Amino acid sequence: MKKVFHLTSFAFGALAMLGVSMVIQSPSKAQAQAPNHVFEYRKYYAPPGKLENLKARFRDHTIRIFNRHNMKSIGYWEPIDNKDNALIYILEHPSVDEGKKNWKEFMADPEWKKVAAETQVDGKIVDHVDSVYMNPSDFSAIK
């Protein structure tokens, strides 16, 4: 009888701690539905032979100019097979409206205009761009 009591007490204690742990770690639905920022997925398609030029422009200029315009770089990637000659990256913005405002200000930035012109002297280095604004899912590791 004493053994059953101890096992039952242990089981209820473990369940209680698990419940407390889940409440502390899990965001509320309100938090998941109303993030304080959005992410923007962007995929740039470079013309053949121009991907290294595009990467150099990001490395040497673009990211620094993004920072000035409240555009936080989350990461940059290249597909393993990269048949599309692509560079993929994710930015963080305070909101979709702020993201659109940030892009407008970025495109008007005198330094950006100079860099864009200088890096395309031998031809354009971006053929086209895919862009998608995203909210993190409630189960996303990145919020």
N, C-alpha and C. Protein backbone atom coordinates (compact mmCIF):
# COMPACT_ATOMS: atom_id res chain seq x y z
N MET A 1 0.83 -1.20 0.00
CA MET A 1 0.00 0.00 0.00
C MET A 1 0.86 1.25 0.00
N LYS A 2 1.91 1.24 0.84
CA LYS A 2 2.80 2.38 0.94
C LYS A 2 3.50 2.64 -0.39
N LYS A 3 3.86 1.53 -1.10
CA LYS A 3 4.54 1.63 -2.39
C LYS A 3 3.62 2.28 -3.44
N VAL A 4 2.33 1.89 -3.45
CA VAL A 4 1.35 2.45 -4.38
C VAL A 4 1.18 3.95 -4.11
N PHE A 5 1.12 4.32 -2.85
CA PHE A 5 0.98 5.73 -2.47
C PHE A 5 2.16 6.55 -3.00
N HIS A 6 3.38 6.03 -2.82
CA HIS A 6 4.58 6.75 -3.28
C HIS A 6 4.59 6.87 -4.80
N LEU A 7 4.23 5.80 -5.49
CA LEU A 7 4.19 5.85 -6.96
C LEU A 7 3.12 6.83 -7.45
N THR A 8 1.97 6.82 -6.80
CA THR A 8 0.90 7.74 -7.18
C THR A 8 1.32 9.18 -6.92
N SER A 9 1.92 9.43 -5.78
CA SER A 9 2.40 10.78 -5.45
C SER A 9 3.44 11.24 -6.45
N PHE A 10 4.36 10.33 -6.80
CA PHE A 10 5.39 10.66 -7.78
C PHE A 10 4.76 11.01 -9.13
N ALA A 11 3.80 10.18 -9.57
CA ALA A 11 3.15 10.39 -10.87
C ALA A 11 2.42 11.73 -10.90
N PHE A 12 1.64 12.03 -9.84
CA PHE A 12 0.93 13.31 -9.81
C PHE A 12 1.91 14.49 -9.75
N GLY A 13 2.98 14.35 -9.01
CA GLY A 13 4.00 15.40 -8.92
C GLY A 13 4.65 15.64 -10.28
N ALA A 14 4.97 14.55 -10.98
CA ALA A 14 5.59 14.67 -12.30
C ALA A 14 4.63 15.35 -13.28
N LEU A 15 3.36 14.96 -13.25
CA LEU A 15 2.37 15.59 -14.13
C LEU A 15 2.22 17.08 -13.82
N ALA A 16 2.20 17.42 -12.56
CA ALA A 16 2.08 18.83 -12.17
C ALA A 16 3.27 19.62 -12.67
N MET A 17 4.47 19.08 -12.52
CA MET A 17 5.67 19.79 -12.99
C MET A 17 5.67 19.92 -14.51
N LEU A 18 5.21 18.89 -15.21
CA LEU A 18 5.12 18.94 -16.66
C LEU A 18 4.15 20.04 -17.08
N GLY A 19 3.01 20.13 -16.40
CA GLY A 19 2.03 21.17 -16.71
C GLY A 19 2.59 22.55 -16.50
N VAL A 20 3.29 22.76 -15.39
CA VAL A 20 3.91 24.06 -15.10
C VAL A 20 4.95 24.37 -16.16
N SER A 21 5.76 23.38 -16.51
CA SER A 21 6.80 23.56 -17.51
C SER A 21 6.20 23.96 -18.86
N MET A 22 5.10 23.31 -19.25
CA MET A 22 4.48 23.62 -20.54
C MET A 22 3.89 25.02 -20.55
N VAL A 23 3.33 25.46 -19.45
CA VAL A 23 2.76 26.81 -19.36
C VAL A 23 3.87 27.84 -19.47
N ILE A 24 4.99 27.60 -18.83
CA ILE A 24 6.10 28.55 -18.86
C ILE A 24 6.72 28.63 -20.26
N GLN A 25 6.86 27.48 -20.94
CA GLN A 25 7.57 27.44 -22.22
C GLN A 25 6.70 27.76 -23.42
N SER A 26 5.40 27.51 -23.36
CA SER A 26 4.54 27.68 -24.52
C SER A 26 4.01 29.10 -24.61
N PRO A 27 4.14 29.72 -25.79
CA PRO A 27 3.55 31.05 -25.95
C PRO A 27 2.04 30.94 -26.02
N SER A 28 1.37 31.98 -25.61
CA SER A 28 -0.09 31.98 -25.70
C SER A 28 -0.50 32.13 -27.15
N LYS A 29 -1.75 31.79 -27.45
CA LYS A 29 -2.24 31.94 -28.83
C LYS A 29 -2.18 33.39 -29.27
N ALA A 30 -2.40 34.31 -28.35
CA ALA A 30 -2.35 35.74 -28.70
C ALA A 30 -0.94 36.11 -29.15
N GLN A 31 0.07 35.59 -28.46
CA GLN A 31 1.45 35.88 -28.86
C GLN A 31 1.75 35.29 -30.23
N ALA A 32 1.30 34.06 -30.48
CA ALA A 32 1.59 33.40 -31.75
C ALA A 32 0.88 34.10 -32.91
N GLN A 33 -0.29 34.69 -32.65
CA GLN A 33 -1.04 35.32 -33.72
C GLN A 33 -0.64 36.78 -33.94
N ALA A 34 0.03 37.37 -32.98
CA ALA A 34 0.38 38.79 -33.10
C ALA A 34 1.88 38.99 -32.85
N PRO A 35 2.73 38.52 -33.80
CA PRO A 35 4.16 38.69 -33.59
C PRO A 35 4.53 40.17 -33.66
N ASN A 36 5.65 40.52 -33.06
CA ASN A 36 6.09 41.91 -33.10
C ASN A 36 7.03 42.16 -34.28
N HIS A 37 7.05 41.21 -35.21
CA HIS A 37 7.83 41.38 -36.43
C HIS A 37 7.36 40.34 -37.46
N VAL A 38 7.79 40.54 -38.70
CA VAL A 38 7.52 39.57 -39.77
C VAL A 38 8.84 39.25 -40.44
N PHE A 39 8.84 38.14 -41.14
CA PHE A 39 10.02 37.75 -41.89
C PHE A 39 9.71 37.88 -43.37
N GLU A 40 10.74 38.16 -44.15
CA GLU A 40 10.58 38.24 -45.60
C GLU A 40 11.57 37.27 -46.24
N TYR A 41 11.03 36.31 -46.98
CA TYR A 41 11.83 35.36 -47.75
C TYR A 41 12.09 36.00 -49.11
N ARG A 42 13.35 35.98 -49.54
CA ARG A 42 13.68 36.53 -50.86
C ARG A 42 14.61 35.56 -51.58
N LYS A 43 14.32 35.32 -52.84
CA LYS A 43 15.17 34.46 -53.67
C LYS A 43 15.55 35.25 -54.91
N TYR A 44 16.85 35.46 -55.06
CA TYR A 44 17.38 36.19 -56.21
C TYR A 44 17.91 35.20 -57.23
N TYR A 45 17.54 35.39 -58.48
CA TYR A 45 18.01 34.57 -59.58
C TYR A 45 19.03 35.39 -60.36
N ALA A 46 20.28 34.93 -60.36
CA ALA A 46 21.34 35.64 -61.06
C ALA A 46 21.49 35.09 -62.48
N PRO A 47 21.81 35.96 -63.43
CA PRO A 47 22.11 35.45 -64.77
C PRO A 47 23.34 34.54 -64.71
N PRO A 48 23.49 33.66 -65.68
CA PRO A 48 24.66 32.77 -65.69
C PRO A 48 25.97 33.54 -65.53
N GLY A 49 26.82 33.06 -64.65
CA GLY A 49 28.13 33.67 -64.43
C GLY A 49 28.12 34.89 -63.52
N LYS A 50 26.97 35.27 -62.97
CA LYS A 50 26.88 36.50 -62.17
C LYS A 50 26.62 36.27 -60.68
N LEU A 51 26.47 35.02 -60.25
CA LEU A 51 26.16 34.76 -58.84
C LEU A 51 27.26 35.27 -57.91
N GLU A 52 28.51 35.07 -58.27
CA GLU A 52 29.61 35.54 -57.41
C GLU A 52 29.59 37.07 -57.29
N ASN A 53 29.23 37.76 -58.36
CA ASN A 53 29.11 39.22 -58.31
C ASN A 53 27.99 39.64 -57.35
N LEU A 54 26.87 38.92 -57.42
CA LEU A 54 25.74 39.21 -56.55
C LEU A 54 26.12 38.98 -55.09
N LYS A 55 26.77 37.86 -54.81
CA LYS A 55 27.20 37.56 -53.44
C LYS A 55 28.18 38.61 -52.92
N ALA A 56 29.09 39.05 -53.77
CA ALA A 56 30.05 40.08 -53.37
C ALA A 56 29.33 41.39 -53.04
N ARG A 57 28.30 41.73 -53.81
CA ARG A 57 27.57 42.96 -53.54
C ARG A 57 26.89 42.88 -52.17
N PHE A 58 26.27 41.74 -51.86
CA PHE A 58 25.67 41.58 -50.54
C PHE A 58 26.73 41.66 -49.45
N ARG A 59 27.80 40.91 -49.62
CA ARG A 59 28.86 40.83 -48.61
C ARG A 59 29.50 42.20 -48.36
N ASP A 60 29.77 42.93 -49.42
CA ASP A 60 30.54 44.17 -49.31
C ASP A 60 29.71 45.43 -49.10
N HIS A 61 28.43 45.39 -49.45
CA HIS A 61 27.64 46.63 -49.41
C HIS A 61 26.21 46.47 -48.88
N THR A 62 25.45 45.56 -49.49
CA THR A 62 24.00 45.51 -49.28
C THR A 62 23.61 45.31 -47.82
N ILE A 63 24.23 44.36 -47.14
CA ILE A 63 23.83 44.07 -45.76
C ILE A 63 24.03 45.30 -44.87
N ARG A 64 25.13 45.98 -45.06
CA ARG A 64 25.39 47.20 -44.27
C ARG A 64 24.31 48.26 -44.53
N ILE A 65 23.90 48.40 -45.78
CA ILE A 65 22.86 49.38 -46.12
C ILE A 65 21.50 48.91 -45.58
N PHE A 66 21.24 47.60 -45.64
CA PHE A 66 20.02 47.05 -45.03
C PHE A 66 19.93 47.49 -43.57
N ASN A 67 21.02 47.33 -42.84
CA ASN A 67 21.03 47.65 -41.41
C ASN A 67 20.61 49.09 -41.15
N ARG A 68 21.02 49.98 -42.01
CA ARG A 68 20.65 51.40 -41.88
C ARG A 68 19.16 51.63 -42.03
N HIS A 69 18.50 50.72 -42.73
CA HIS A 69 17.07 50.89 -43.02
C HIS A 69 16.20 49.90 -42.25
N ASN A 70 16.68 49.48 -41.06
CA ASN A 70 15.91 48.63 -40.16
C ASN A 70 15.53 47.29 -40.80
N MET A 71 16.42 46.76 -41.64
CA MET A 71 16.20 45.48 -42.32
C MET A 71 17.22 44.50 -41.76
N LYS A 72 16.77 43.67 -40.83
CA LYS A 72 17.68 42.75 -40.13
C LYS A 72 17.86 41.46 -40.94
N SER A 73 19.09 41.15 -41.29
CA SER A 73 19.40 39.91 -42.00
C SER A 73 19.36 38.74 -41.03
N ILE A 74 18.56 37.73 -41.35
CA ILE A 74 18.49 36.51 -40.54
C ILE A 74 19.49 35.49 -41.05
N GLY A 75 19.60 35.35 -42.36
CA GLY A 75 20.55 34.39 -42.93
C GLY A 75 20.52 34.41 -44.45
N TYR A 76 21.57 33.86 -45.02
CA TYR A 76 21.74 33.78 -46.48
C TYR A 76 22.10 32.35 -46.83
N TRP A 77 21.52 31.84 -47.93
CA TRP A 77 21.74 30.46 -48.33
C TRP A 77 21.84 30.34 -49.84
N GLU A 78 22.51 29.25 -50.25
CA GLU A 78 22.55 28.86 -51.65
C GLU A 78 22.04 27.43 -51.75
N PRO A 79 21.13 27.16 -52.69
CA PRO A 79 20.67 25.77 -52.87
C PRO A 79 21.86 24.86 -53.18
N ILE A 80 21.81 23.64 -52.69
CA ILE A 80 22.92 22.71 -52.90
C ILE A 80 23.12 22.43 -54.39
N ASP A 81 22.05 22.15 -55.12
CA ASP A 81 22.21 21.90 -56.56
C ASP A 81 22.31 23.19 -57.35
N ASN A 82 21.73 24.25 -56.84
CA ASN A 82 21.71 25.62 -57.40
C ASN A 82 21.58 25.68 -58.92
N LYS A 83 20.65 24.92 -59.44
CA LYS A 83 20.36 24.95 -60.88
C LYS A 83 19.81 26.30 -61.32
N ASP A 84 19.23 27.05 -60.36
CA ASP A 84 18.64 28.35 -60.68
C ASP A 84 19.63 29.50 -60.56
N ASN A 85 20.88 29.20 -60.16
CA ASN A 85 21.88 30.26 -59.95
C ASN A 85 21.32 31.28 -58.95
N ALA A 86 20.88 30.76 -57.79
CA ALA A 86 20.10 31.57 -56.85
C ALA A 86 20.83 31.86 -55.54
N LEU A 87 20.43 32.97 -54.94
CA LEU A 87 20.82 33.33 -53.57
C LEU A 87 19.51 33.56 -52.83
N ILE A 88 19.37 32.89 -51.68
CA ILE A 88 18.15 32.99 -50.88
C ILE A 88 18.50 33.63 -49.55
N TYR A 89 17.65 34.54 -49.08
CA TYR A 89 17.88 35.11 -47.76
C TYR A 89 16.57 35.47 -47.09
N ILE A 90 16.66 35.68 -45.78
CA ILE A 90 15.49 36.07 -44.98
C ILE A 90 15.84 37.33 -44.21
N LEU A 91 14.93 38.30 -44.29
CA LEU A 91 15.03 39.55 -43.53
C LEU A 91 13.96 39.57 -42.45
N GLU A 92 14.19 40.34 -41.42
CA GLU A 92 13.19 40.58 -40.40
C GLU A 92 12.81 42.06 -40.44
N HIS A 93 11.49 42.32 -40.41
CA HIS A 93 10.95 43.68 -40.39
C HIS A 93 9.98 43.80 -39.21
N PRO A 94 9.76 45.00 -38.70
CA PRO A 94 8.77 45.17 -37.62
C PRO A 94 7.35 44.78 -38.04
N SER A 95 7.00 44.98 -39.32
CA SER A 95 5.67 44.63 -39.84
C SER A 95 5.77 44.63 -41.37
N VAL A 96 4.72 44.17 -42.04
CA VAL A 96 4.71 44.20 -43.50
C VAL A 96 4.78 45.64 -43.99
N ASP A 97 3.98 46.53 -43.39
CA ASP A 97 4.00 47.94 -43.79
C ASP A 97 5.38 48.55 -43.60
N GLU A 98 6.02 48.24 -42.46
CA GLU A 98 7.38 48.74 -42.21
C GLU A 98 8.35 48.15 -43.23
N GLY A 99 8.16 46.88 -43.56
CA GLY A 99 9.02 46.24 -44.56
C GLY A 99 8.93 46.96 -45.90
N LYS A 100 7.73 47.27 -46.31
CA LYS A 100 7.55 47.98 -47.59
C LYS A 100 8.16 49.38 -47.52
N LYS A 101 7.99 50.04 -46.38
CA LYS A 101 8.60 51.36 -46.17
C LYS A 101 10.14 51.25 -46.19
N ASN A 102 10.65 50.21 -45.51
CA ASN A 102 12.10 49.99 -45.48
C ASN A 102 12.65 49.81 -46.89
N TRP A 103 11.96 49.01 -47.70
CA TRP A 103 12.42 48.78 -49.07
C TRP A 103 12.39 50.08 -49.90
N LYS A 104 11.34 50.86 -49.73
CA LYS A 104 11.24 52.12 -50.47
C LYS A 104 12.42 53.04 -50.12
N GLU A 105 12.70 53.14 -48.81
CA GLU A 105 13.82 53.98 -48.36
C GLU A 105 15.17 53.40 -48.81
N PHE A 106 15.30 52.08 -48.76
CA PHE A 106 16.53 51.43 -49.22
C PHE A 106 16.78 51.74 -50.69
N MET A 107 15.75 51.58 -51.52
CA MET A 107 15.90 51.81 -52.96
C MET A 107 16.23 53.27 -53.28
N ALA A 108 15.83 54.19 -52.42
CA ALA A 108 16.11 55.62 -52.63
C ALA A 108 17.45 56.04 -52.02
N ASP A 109 18.08 55.18 -51.25
CA ASP A 109 19.33 55.50 -50.58
C ASP A 109 20.42 55.83 -51.61
N PRO A 110 21.05 57.00 -51.52
CA PRO A 110 22.08 57.39 -52.50
C PRO A 110 23.24 56.39 -52.58
N GLU A 111 23.66 55.86 -51.46
CA GLU A 111 24.75 54.87 -51.50
C GLU A 111 24.31 53.62 -52.24
N TRP A 112 23.08 53.16 -51.98
CA TRP A 112 22.59 51.97 -52.69
C TRP A 112 22.54 52.22 -54.19
N LYS A 113 22.04 53.38 -54.60
CA LYS A 113 21.97 53.69 -56.03
C LYS A 113 23.36 53.64 -56.67
N LYS A 114 24.35 54.16 -55.97
CA LYS A 114 25.72 54.15 -56.47
C LYS A 114 26.25 52.72 -56.57
N VAL A 115 26.05 51.94 -55.51
CA VAL A 115 26.51 50.55 -55.48
C VAL A 115 25.83 49.74 -56.58
N ALA A 116 24.52 49.90 -56.72
CA ALA A 116 23.77 49.16 -57.74
C ALA A 116 24.31 49.47 -59.14
N ALA A 117 24.56 50.73 -59.41
CA ALA A 117 25.08 51.12 -60.73
C ALA A 117 26.49 50.55 -60.94
N GLU A 118 27.35 50.69 -59.94
CA GLU A 118 28.73 50.22 -60.07
C GLU A 118 28.83 48.71 -60.24
N THR A 119 27.95 47.98 -59.59
CA THR A 119 28.04 46.51 -59.64
C THR A 119 27.35 45.92 -60.86
N GLN A 120 26.75 46.77 -61.68
CA GLN A 120 26.11 46.28 -62.90
C GLN A 120 26.73 46.88 -64.16
N VAL A 121 27.92 47.40 -64.04
CA VAL A 121 28.63 47.99 -65.18
C VAL A 121 28.79 46.96 -66.31
N ASP A 122 29.06 45.70 -65.94
CA ASP A 122 29.25 44.65 -66.94
C ASP A 122 27.99 43.83 -67.18
N GLY A 123 26.84 44.38 -66.86
CA GLY A 123 25.56 43.69 -67.06
C GLY A 123 24.85 43.46 -65.74
N LYS A 124 23.55 43.27 -65.83
CA LYS A 124 22.78 43.10 -64.59
C LYS A 124 23.17 41.80 -63.89
N ILE A 125 23.10 41.83 -62.56
CA ILE A 125 23.48 40.66 -61.77
C ILE A 125 22.28 39.99 -61.11
N VAL A 126 21.08 40.55 -61.33
CA VAL A 126 19.84 39.93 -60.84
C VAL A 126 18.87 39.88 -62.01
N ASP A 127 18.40 38.66 -62.31
CA ASP A 127 17.42 38.49 -63.37
C ASP A 127 16.02 38.79 -62.84
N HIS A 128 15.65 38.14 -61.73
CA HIS A 128 14.36 38.41 -61.09
C HIS A 128 14.42 37.95 -59.64
N VAL A 129 13.38 38.36 -58.87
CA VAL A 129 13.35 38.11 -57.42
C VAL A 129 11.97 37.58 -57.03
N ASP A 130 11.96 36.57 -56.16
CA ASP A 130 10.74 36.12 -55.50
C ASP A 130 10.76 36.69 -54.09
N SER A 131 9.62 37.19 -53.60
CA SER A 131 9.54 37.75 -52.26
C SER A 131 8.23 37.34 -51.60
N VAL A 132 8.32 36.89 -50.34
CA VAL A 132 7.14 36.48 -49.57
C VAL A 132 7.31 36.97 -48.14
N TYR A 133 6.31 37.69 -47.62
CA TYR A 133 6.30 38.07 -46.20
C TYR A 133 5.67 36.92 -45.42
N MET A 134 6.24 36.63 -44.23
CA MET A 134 5.80 35.46 -43.46
C MET A 134 5.72 35.79 -41.97
N ASN A 135 4.73 35.15 -41.31
CA ASN A 135 4.67 35.13 -39.84
C ASN A 135 5.17 33.77 -39.40
N PRO A 136 5.85 33.71 -38.27
CA PRO A 136 6.29 32.39 -37.78
C PRO A 136 5.09 31.59 -37.28
N SER A 137 5.12 30.29 -37.53
CA SER A 137 4.09 29.40 -37.00
C SER A 137 4.27 29.27 -35.50
N ASP A 138 3.22 28.87 -34.80
CA ASP A 138 3.30 28.76 -33.35
C ASP A 138 4.31 27.72 -32.91
N PHE A 139 4.71 26.80 -33.77
CA PHE A 139 5.68 25.77 -33.42
C PHE A 139 7.06 26.03 -33.99
N SER A 140 7.26 27.21 -34.58
CA SER A 140 8.54 27.56 -35.18
C SER A 140 9.61 27.79 -34.13
N ALA A 141 10.82 27.33 -34.41
CA ALA A 141 11.95 27.59 -33.50
C ALA A 141 12.35 29.06 -33.55
N ILE A 142 12.12 29.70 -34.70
CA ILE A 142 12.43 31.13 -34.84
C ILE A 142 11.11 31.88 -34.74
N LYS A 143 11.03 32.81 -33.82
CA LYS A 143 9.78 33.56 -33.60
C LYS A 143 9.99 35.01 -33.92
